[in-house]
Amino acid sequence: MASSLVVSMDIYLIRHTSVATAAGICYGQSDVGLSERYEQEKARLCQVLAAGLGAGAVRAYASPLSRCRILAEDVVAVPVCLDERLKEYHFGRWELQAWAELPGPELAAWKADFVTMPAPGGESFEQVQQRAVAFLAEVLTGPAADDVLIFAHAALIRTLICHCLELPLANAFRLNIDYGSVTRLRHEHGRFLLDYVNR
């Protein structure tokens, strides 16, 4: 009797390093630059990845926004596939505005139901999760790999964790995702296991 092949894949969700914007600015899909701490944060990130990655086949994906693309290209030796679906949450008219200066009623309504309510001219968290999950489904059925590296953004990573662990998307902001951090999920026997978060 032929034995079935057990497919196991480690998925590394990597948030970009800190950015060169003032504190309190809403920057979503705006293509902001990297901060002066980039080299230091990149070095720490490389140490975390080196401690976890095996010697098997690796695939790498990144948001096309420069803060993810540059980091991915600096960190991995394999070609990096850029995917629009990995972009940060689109804040619409709020992009590059100070959070403290956003219209109070608009912001309050969004905070009360950010899952289904889009930012003005932007998208909802539900829409972010839909594109993130569609991307992940393709990764799981794509070329074989032992490790998959995904360089993305805090909102995108939160929505993927919620999906993989079957958590309510309304709890997304309870997940703290630091700049330059790594979260590792294992896909095995058709289910996801969380190895660690925000390392």
C-alpha atoms as a PDB file:
ATOM      1  CA  MET A   1       0.000   0.000   0.000  1.00  0.00           C
ATOM      2  CA  ALA A   2       1.403   3.405  -0.980  1.00  0.00           C
ATOM      3  CA  SER A   3       1.797   5.825   1.884  1.00  0.00           C
ATOM      4  CA  SER A   4       0.485   9.365   1.555  1.00  0.00           C
ATOM      5  CA  LEU A   5       2.952  12.221   1.719  1.00  0.00           C
ATOM      6  CA  VAL A   6       2.538  14.471   4.749  1.00  0.00           C
ATOM      7  CA  VAL A   7       2.982  18.077   3.693  1.00  0.00           C
ATOM      8  CA  SER A   8       4.288  20.476   6.309  1.00  0.00           C
ATOM      9  CA  MET A   9       5.107  24.130   5.756  1.00  0.00           C
ATOM     10  CA  ASP A  10       6.380  26.832   8.087  1.00  0.00           C
ATOM     11  CA  ILE A  11       4.992  30.277   7.277  1.00  0.00           C
ATOM     12  CA  TYR A  12       6.894  33.301   8.564  1.00  0.00           C
ATOM     13  CA  LEU A  13       4.869  36.506   8.769  1.00  0.00           C
ATOM     14  CA  ILE A  14       7.370  39.358   8.892  1.00  0.00           C
ATOM     15  CA  ARG A  15       6.431  42.950   9.569  1.00  0.00           C
ATOM     16  CA  HIS A  16       8.579  45.633   7.965  1.00  0.00           C
ATOM     17  CA  THR A  17      10.973  47.639  10.134  1.00  0.00           C
ATOM     18  CA  SER A  18      10.131  51.077  11.531  1.00  0.00           C
ATOM     19  CA  VAL A  19       9.333  53.929   9.180  1.00  0.00           C
ATOM     20  CA  ALA A  20      10.437  57.532   8.773  1.00  0.00           C
ATOM     21  CA  THR A  21       7.150  59.202   9.644  1.00  0.00           C
ATOM     22  CA  ALA A  22       6.194  61.281  12.628  1.00  0.00           C
ATOM     23  CA  ALA A  23       4.422  59.543  15.475  1.00  0.00           C
ATOM     24  CA  GLY A  24       0.651  59.536  15.224  1.00  0.00           C
ATOM     25  CA  ILE A  25       0.441  59.644  11.416  1.00  0.00           C
ATOM     26  CA  CYS A  26      -1.947  57.333   9.573  1.00  0.00           C
ATOM     27  CA  TYR A  27       0.069  55.929   6.667  1.00  0.00           C
ATOM     28  CA  GLY A  28      -1.550  52.662   5.464  1.00  0.00           C
ATOM     29  CA  GLN A  29      -0.860  52.172   1.748  1.00  0.00           C
ATOM     30  CA  SER A  30       1.186  55.365   1.425  1.00  0.00           C
ATOM     31  CA  ASP A  31       4.724  54.436   0.393  1.00  0.00           C
ATOM     32  CA  VAL A  32       6.651  55.891   3.315  1.00  0.00           C
ATOM     33  CA  GLY A  33      10.418  55.490   3.786  1.00  0.00           C
ATOM     34  CA  LEU A  34      12.405  53.447   6.291  1.00  0.00           C
ATOM     35  CA  SER A  35      13.741  54.950   9.513  1.00  0.00           C
ATOM     36  CA  GLU A  36      17.385  55.489  10.439  1.00  0.00           C
ATOM     37  CA  ARG A  37      17.160  52.350  12.612  1.00  0.00           C
ATOM     38  CA  TYR A  38      16.750  50.123   9.551  1.00  0.00           C
ATOM     39  CA  GLU A  39      20.154  48.404   9.620  1.00  0.00           C
ATOM     40  CA  GLN A  40      19.926  47.654  13.341  1.00  0.00           C
ATOM     41  CA  GLU A  41      16.388  46.310  13.099  1.00  0.00           C
ATOM     42  CA  LYS A  42      17.220  44.292   9.986  1.00  0.00           C
ATOM     43  CA  ALA A  43      20.184  42.655  11.747  1.00  0.00           C
ATOM     44  CA  ARG A  44      17.987  41.598  14.673  1.00  0.00           C
ATOM     45  CA  LEU A  45      15.379  40.242  12.279  1.00  0.00           C
ATOM     46  CA  CYS A  46      17.979  38.194  10.434  1.00  0.00           C
ATOM     47  CA  GLN A  47      19.030  36.596  13.724  1.00  0.00           C
ATOM     48  CA  VAL A  48      15.447  35.556  14.467  1.00  0.00           C
ATOM     49  CA  LEU A  49      15.003  34.073  11.002  1.00  0.00           C
ATOM     50  CA  ALA A  50      18.354  32.275  11.095  1.00  0.00           C
ATOM     51  CA  ALA A  51      17.345  30.589  14.351  1.00  0.00           C
ATOM     52  CA  GLY A  52      14.141  29.258  12.823  1.00  0.00           C
ATOM     53  CA  LEU A  53      14.702  28.527   9.149  1.00  0.00           C
ATOM     54  CA  GLY A  54      15.704  25.036   8.106  1.00  0.00           C
ATOM     55  CA  ALA A  55      17.841  23.951   5.193  1.00  0.00           C
ATOM     56  CA  GLY A  56      14.926  23.161   2.877  1.00  0.00           C
ATOM     57  CA  ALA A  57      13.330  25.008  -0.014  1.00  0.00           C
ATOM     58  CA  VAL A  58      12.260  28.603   0.638  1.00  0.00           C
ATOM     59  CA  ARG A  59       9.751  30.856  -1.110  1.00  0.00           C
ATOM     60  CA  ALA A  60       9.538  34.586  -0.395  1.00  0.00           C
ATOM     61  CA  TYR A  61       6.713  37.059  -0.966  1.00  0.00           C
ATOM     62  CA  ALA A  62       6.390  40.745  -0.170  1.00  0.00           C
ATOM     63  CA  SER A  63       4.075  43.688  -0.345  1.00  0.00           C
ATOM     64  CA  PRO A  64       5.221  45.933  -3.207  1.00  0.00           C
ATOM     65  CA  LEU A  65       5.372  48.937  -0.858  1.00  0.00           C
ATOM     66  CA  SER A  66       9.045  49.846  -0.511  1.00  0.00           C
ATOM     67  CA  ARG A  67       9.256  49.307   3.249  1.00  0.00           C
ATOM     68  CA  CYS A  68       8.511  45.601   2.684  1.00  0.00           C
ATOM     69  CA  ARG A  69      10.141  45.130  -0.716  1.00  0.00           C
ATOM     70  CA  ILE A  70      13.504  46.579   0.334  1.00  0.00           C
ATOM     71  CA  LEU A  71      13.592  44.502   3.516  1.00  0.00           C
ATOM     72  CA  ALA A  72      12.706  41.286   1.698  1.00  0.00           C
ATOM     73  CA  GLU A  73      15.309  41.822  -1.000  1.00  0.00           C
ATOM     74  CA  ASP A  74      17.960  42.591   1.628  1.00  0.00           C
ATOM     75  CA  VAL A  75      17.166  39.571   3.800  1.00  0.00           C
ATOM     76  CA  VAL A  76      16.529  36.600   1.506  1.00  0.00           C
ATOM     77  CA  ALA A  77      18.715  34.999  -1.131  1.00  0.00           C
ATOM     78  CA  VAL A  78      15.843  33.669  -3.269  1.00  0.00           C
ATOM     79  CA  PRO A  79      13.796  35.781  -5.701  1.00  0.00           C
ATOM     80  CA  VAL A  80      11.050  37.773  -3.997  1.00  0.00           C
ATOM     81  CA  CYS A  81       7.556  37.666  -5.499  1.00  0.00           C
ATOM     82  CA  LEU A  82       5.688  40.949  -5.013  1.00  0.00           C
ATOM     83  CA  ASP A  83       1.932  40.695  -4.514  1.00  0.00           C
ATOM     84  CA  GLU A  84      -0.542  43.590  -4.346  1.00  0.00           C
ATOM     85  CA  ARG A  85      -2.729  41.606  -1.969  1.00  0.00           C
ATOM     86  CA  LEU A  86      -0.079  41.935   0.734  1.00  0.00           C
ATOM     87  CA  LYS A  87      -0.380  45.719   0.946  1.00  0.00           C
ATOM     88  CA  GLU A  88      -1.311  47.445   4.192  1.00  0.00           C
ATOM     89  CA  TYR A  89      -4.850  48.497   5.067  1.00  0.00           C
ATOM     90  CA  HIS A  90      -6.053  51.279   2.767  1.00  0.00           C
ATOM     91  CA  PHE A  91      -7.083  54.252   4.899  1.00  0.00           C
ATOM     92  CA  GLY A  92      -8.480  56.239   1.980  1.00  0.00           C
ATOM     93  CA  ARG A  93      -8.868  59.953   2.764  1.00  0.00           C
ATOM     94  CA  TRP A  94      -7.160  59.450   6.115  1.00  0.00           C
ATOM     95  CA  GLU A  95      -3.810  58.537   4.529  1.00  0.00           C
ATOM     96  CA  LEU A  96      -0.913  60.671   5.844  1.00  0.00           C
ATOM     97  CA  GLN A  97      -3.209  62.566   8.206  1.00  0.00           C
ATOM     98  CA  ALA A  98      -2.619  62.824  11.950  1.00  0.00           C
ATOM     99  CA  TRP A  99      -4.899  60.473  13.869  1.00  0.00           C
ATOM    100  CA  ALA A 100      -5.587  63.261  16.358  1.00  0.00           C
ATOM    101  CA  GLU A 101      -6.907  65.508  13.573  1.00  0.00           C
ATOM    102  CA  LEU A 102      -9.295  63.042  11.917  1.00  0.00           C
ATOM    103  CA  PRO A 103     -13.020  63.918  12.074  1.00  0.00           C
ATOM    104  CA  GLY A 104     -14.257  62.621  15.417  1.00  0.00           C
ATOM    105  CA  PRO A 105     -17.601  61.141  14.290  1.00  0.00           C
ATOM    106  CA  GLU A 106     -16.004  59.370  11.293  1.00  0.00           C
ATOM    107  CA  LEU A 107     -13.264  57.875  13.454  1.00  0.00           C
ATOM    108  CA  ALA A 108     -15.668  56.818  16.205  1.00  0.00           C
ATOM    109  CA  ALA A 109     -17.959  55.062  13.727  1.00  0.00           C
ATOM    110  CA  TRP A 110     -15.016  53.235  12.167  1.00  0.00           C
ATOM    111  CA  LYS A 111     -13.614  52.126  15.531  1.00  0.00           C
ATOM    112  CA  ALA A 112     -17.044  50.795  16.504  1.00  0.00           C
ATOM    113  CA  ASP A 113     -17.156  48.493  13.460  1.00  0.00           C
ATOM    114  CA  PHE A 114     -13.802  48.475  11.648  1.00  0.00           C
ATOM    115  CA  VAL A 115     -14.434  44.888  10.542  1.00  0.00           C
ATOM    116  CA  THR A 116     -17.167  45.781   8.056  1.00  0.00           C
ATOM    117  CA  MET A 117     -16.962  49.580   7.850  1.00  0.00           C
ATOM    118  CA  PRO A 118     -14.310  50.929   5.469  1.00  0.00           C
ATOM    119  CA  ALA A 119     -12.286  54.011   6.219  1.00  0.00           C
ATOM    120  CA  PRO A 120     -13.630  56.897   4.093  1.00  0.00           C
ATOM    121  CA  GLY A 121     -12.527  56.139   0.540  1.00  0.00           C
ATOM    122  CA  GLY A 122     -10.614  53.086   1.752  1.00  0.00           C
ATOM    123  CA  GLU A 123     -11.412  49.521   2.789  1.00  0.00           C
ATOM    124  CA  SER A 124     -12.627  47.475   5.746  1.00  0.00           C
ATOM    125  CA  PHE A 125     -10.653  44.908   7.722  1.00  0.00           C
ATOM    126  CA  GLU A 126     -12.945  42.282   6.257  1.00  0.00           C
ATOM    127  CA  GLN A 127     -11.738  43.260   2.779  1.00  0.00           C
ATOM    128  CA  VAL A 128      -8.116  43.116   3.899  1.00  0.00           C
ATOM    129  CA  GLN A 129      -8.664  39.620   5.235  1.00  0.00           C
ATOM    130  CA  GLN A 130     -10.359  38.494   2.028  1.00  0.00           C
ATOM    131  CA  ARG A 131      -7.381  39.449  -0.121  1.00  0.00           C
ATOM    132  CA  ALA A 132      -4.924  38.061   2.425  1.00  0.00           C
ATOM    133  CA  VAL A 133      -6.742  34.718   2.581  1.00  0.00           C
ATOM    134  CA  ALA A 134      -6.942  34.505  -1.227  1.00  0.00           C
ATOM    135  CA  PHE A 135      -3.172  35.038  -1.343  1.00  0.00           C
ATOM    136  CA  LEU A 136      -2.545  32.397   1.335  1.00  0.00           C
ATOM    137  CA  ALA A 137      -4.692  29.839  -0.492  1.00  0.00           C
ATOM    138  CA  GLU A 138      -2.482  30.225  -3.556  1.00  0.00           C
ATOM    139  CA  VAL A 139       0.660  29.847  -1.459  1.00  0.00           C
ATOM    140  CA  LEU A 140      -0.594  26.585   0.016  1.00  0.00           C
ATOM    141  CA  THR A 141      -1.299  25.128  -3.420  1.00  0.00           C
ATOM    142  CA  GLY A 142       1.793  26.562  -5.114  1.00  0.00           C
ATOM    143  CA  PRO A 143       5.283  25.111  -5.633  1.00  0.00           C
ATOM    144  CA  ALA A 144       6.567  22.939  -2.804  1.00  0.00           C
ATOM    145  CA  ALA A 145       8.518  24.685  -0.058  1.00  0.00           C
ATOM    146  CA  ASP A 146       9.515  23.918   3.503  1.00  0.00           C
ATOM    147  CA  ASP A 147       9.518  27.579   4.538  1.00  0.00           C
ATOM    148  CA  VAL A 148       7.508  30.513   3.202  1.00  0.00           C
ATOM    149  CA  LEU A 149       8.498  34.071   4.110  1.00  0.00           C
ATOM    150  CA  ILE A 150       5.839  36.781   3.822  1.00  0.00           C
ATOM    151  CA  PHE A 151       7.016  40.376   4.269  1.00  0.00           C
ATOM    152  CA  ALA A 152       3.952  42.462   4.996  1.00  0.00           C
ATOM    153  CA  HIS A 153       2.244  44.931   7.330  1.00  0.00           C
ATOM    154  CA  ALA A 154       0.635  44.896  10.765  1.00  0.00           C
ATOM    155  CA  ALA A 155      -3.005  44.859   9.608  1.00  0.00           C
ATOM    156  CA  LEU A 156      -2.346  42.192   6.978  1.00  0.00           C
ATOM    157  CA  ILE A 157      -0.534  39.992   9.490  1.00  0.00           C
ATOM    158  CA  ARG A 158      -3.303  40.428  12.069  1.00  0.00           C
ATOM    159  CA  THR A 159      -5.977  39.367   9.592  1.00  0.00           C
ATOM    160  CA  LEU A 160      -4.001  36.265   8.576  1.00  0.00           C
ATOM    161  CA  ILE A 161      -3.471  35.213  12.183  1.00  0.00           C
ATOM    162  CA  CYS A 162      -7.186  35.643  12.889  1.00  0.00           C
ATOM    163  CA  HIS A 163      -8.039  33.538   9.839  1.00  0.00           C
ATOM    164  CA  CYS A 164      -5.542  30.770  10.535  1.00  0.00           C
ATOM    165  CA  LEU A 165      -6.470  30.455  14.218  1.00  0.00           C
ATOM    166  CA  GLU A 166     -10.202  30.978  13.626  1.00  0.00           C
ATOM    167  CA  LEU A 167     -10.282  34.090  15.812  1.00  0.00           C
ATOM    168  CA  PRO A 168     -12.927  36.812  15.415  1.00  0.00           C
ATOM    169  CA  LEU A 169     -11.589  39.602  13.241  1.00  0.00           C
ATOM    170  CA  ALA A 170     -13.022  42.047  15.763  1.00  0.00           C
ATOM    171  CA  ASN A 171     -10.172  40.940  18.072  1.00  0.00           C
ATOM    172  CA  ALA A 172      -7.453  41.810  15.549  1.00  0.00           C
ATOM    173  CA  PHE A 173      -6.131  44.786  17.504  1.00  0.00           C
ATOM    174  CA  ARG A 174      -5.519  42.574  20.531  1.00  0.00           C
ATOM    175  CA  LEU A 175      -2.580  41.165  18.572  1.00  0.00           C
ATOM    176  CA  ASN A 176       0.515  43.294  19.018  1.00  0.00           C
ATOM    177  CA  ILE A 177       2.730  43.166  15.918  1.00  0.00           C
ATOM    178  CA  ASP A 178       6.003  45.058  16.370  1.00  0.00           C
ATOM    179  CA  TYR A 179       8.152  46.573  13.656  1.00  0.00           C
ATOM    180  CA  GLY A 180      10.665  44.052  12.322  1.00  0.00           C
ATOM    181  CA  SER A 181       8.994  41.164  14.146  1.00  0.00           C
ATOM    182  CA  VAL A 182       8.429  37.562  13.095  1.00  0.00           C
ATOM    183  CA  THR A 183       5.355  35.393  13.652  1.00  0.00           C
ATOM    184  CA  ARG A 184       5.579  31.728  12.661  1.00  0.00           C
ATOM    185  CA  LEU A 185       2.668  29.510  11.708  1.00  0.00           C
ATOM    186  CA  ARG A 186       2.930  25.845  10.791  1.00  0.00           C
ATOM    187  CA  HIS A 187       0.568  24.386   8.214  1.00  0.00           C
ATOM    188  CA  GLU A 188       0.263  20.655   8.774  1.00  0.00           C
ATOM    189  CA  HIS A 189      -2.450  18.079   8.057  1.00  0.00           C
ATOM    190  CA  GLY A 190      -4.710  20.807   6.685  1.00  0.00           C
ATOM    191  CA  ARG A 191      -4.632  23.007   9.784  1.00  0.00           C
ATOM    192  CA  PHE A 192      -2.569  25.857  11.190  1.00  0.00           C
ATOM    193  CA  LEU A 193      -0.589  25.850  14.419  1.00  0.00           C
ATOM    194  CA  LEU A 194       0.969  28.949  15.943  1.00  0.00           C
ATOM    195  CA  ASP A 195       4.616  28.403  16.912  1.00  0.00           C
ATOM    196  CA  TYR A 196       5.254  31.958  18.115  1.00  0.00           C
ATOM    197  CA  VAL A 197       4.119  35.520  17.581  1.00  0.00           C
ATOM    198  CA  ASN A 198       5.898  38.875  17.498  1.00  0.00           C
ATOM    199  CA  ARG A 199       9.394  37.470  18.063  1.00  0.00           C
END
